[in-house]
């Protein structure tokens, strides 16, 4: 009986973790974050930075992976 309770507790805990993760990540959200980060650069560098964000976004839309040269993670919704 105690194994059953332990297994049930573990399943409930894992179910809670899944719900705690929230909404899935999307390529468009990563692009917005990238552009926001670009705004912190000196004005002369902002245009090139935003251009890079658009390239990362296009790559993400085709692969589902965000790759900005520093970080690479996959499984994003392609929107």
Protein backbone atom coordinates (compact mmCIF):
# COMPACT_ATOMS: atom_id res chain seq x y z
CA UNK A 1 0.00 0.00 0.00
CA UNK A 2 2.83 2.43 0.79
CA UNK A 3 4.35 1.90 -2.68
CA UNK A 4 1.01 2.81 -4.21
CA UNK A 5 0.83 6.01 -2.18
CA UNK A 6 4.44 6.86 -3.06
CA UNK A 7 3.79 6.27 -6.77
CA UNK A 8 0.59 8.31 -6.66
CA UNK A 9 2.40 11.16 -4.88
CA UNK A 10 5.15 11.14 -7.50
CA UNK A 11 2.64 11.25 -10.36
CA UNK A 12 0.76 14.15 -8.78
CA UNK A 13 4.00 16.03 -8.20
CA UNK A 14 5.04 15.57 -11.83
CA UNK A 15 1.61 16.67 -13.03
CA UNK A 16 2.00 19.84 -10.97
CA UNK A 17 5.41 20.50 -12.51
CA UNK A 18 4.00 20.29 -16.04
CA UNK A 19 1.30 22.84 -15.24
CA UNK A 20 3.84 25.12 -13.56
CA UNK A 21 5.82 25.42 -16.78
CA UNK A 22 3.11 27.61 -18.29
CA UNK A 23 2.69 28.49 -21.92
CA UNK A 24 4.94 27.00 -24.58
CA UNK A 25 7.78 29.08 -25.96
CA UNK A 26 7.30 30.60 -29.41
CA UNK A 27 9.69 31.92 -32.01
CA UNK A 28 7.88 35.28 -32.00
CA UNK A 29 8.39 35.65 -28.24
CA UNK A 30 12.10 34.99 -28.62
CA UNK A 31 12.27 37.57 -31.41
CA UNK A 32 10.58 40.18 -29.19
CA UNK A 33 13.05 39.43 -26.40
CA UNK A 34 15.94 39.69 -28.84
CA UNK A 35 14.76 43.07 -30.15
CA UNK A 36 14.24 44.34 -26.60
CA UNK A 37 17.82 43.36 -25.79
CA UNK A 38 18.99 45.17 -28.95
CA UNK A 39 17.51 48.41 -27.66
CA UNK A 40 20.11 48.37 -24.87
CA UNK A 41 22.96 48.63 -27.38
CA UNK A 42 24.50 51.91 -28.52
CA UNK A 43 22.31 53.51 -31.25
CA UNK A 44 24.83 52.73 -33.99
CA UNK A 45 24.53 48.98 -33.33
CA UNK A 46 20.75 48.66 -32.95
CA UNK A 47 19.93 48.21 -36.66
CA UNK A 48 22.41 45.37 -37.13
CA UNK A 49 21.27 43.72 -33.93
CA UNK A 50 17.62 43.81 -35.01
CA UNK A 51 18.65 42.42 -38.40
CA UNK A 52 20.23 39.50 -36.56
CA UNK A 53 17.04 38.97 -34.55
CA UNK A 54 15.07 38.73 -37.80
CA UNK A 55 17.51 36.15 -39.16
CA UNK A 56 17.26 34.11 -35.94
CA UNK A 57 13.46 34.35 -36.15
CA UNK A 58 13.40 33.10 -39.74
CA UNK A 59 15.64 30.19 -38.77
CA UNK A 60 13.37 29.44 -35.81
CA UNK A 61 10.27 29.52 -38.01
CA UNK A 62 11.78 26.92 -40.33
CA UNK A 63 13.37 24.64 -37.70
CA UNK A 64 11.66 25.28 -34.36
CA UNK A 65 15.09 26.03 -32.86
CA UNK A 66 16.32 29.41 -31.62
CA UNK A 67 20.02 29.82 -32.35
CA UNK A 68 21.61 33.22 -31.78
CA UNK A 69 25.19 31.99 -31.80
CA UNK A 70 25.38 31.90 -28.01
CA UNK A 71 22.31 29.86 -27.07
CA UNK A 72 20.60 27.11 -29.03
CA UNK A 73 17.39 25.45 -27.90
CA UNK A 74 14.68 23.64 -29.79
CA UNK A 75 11.06 22.70 -29.40
CA UNK A 76 9.64 26.18 -29.92
CA UNK A 77 6.30 26.76 -31.60
CA UNK A 78 6.97 28.18 -35.04
CA UNK A 79 4.87 31.31 -34.64
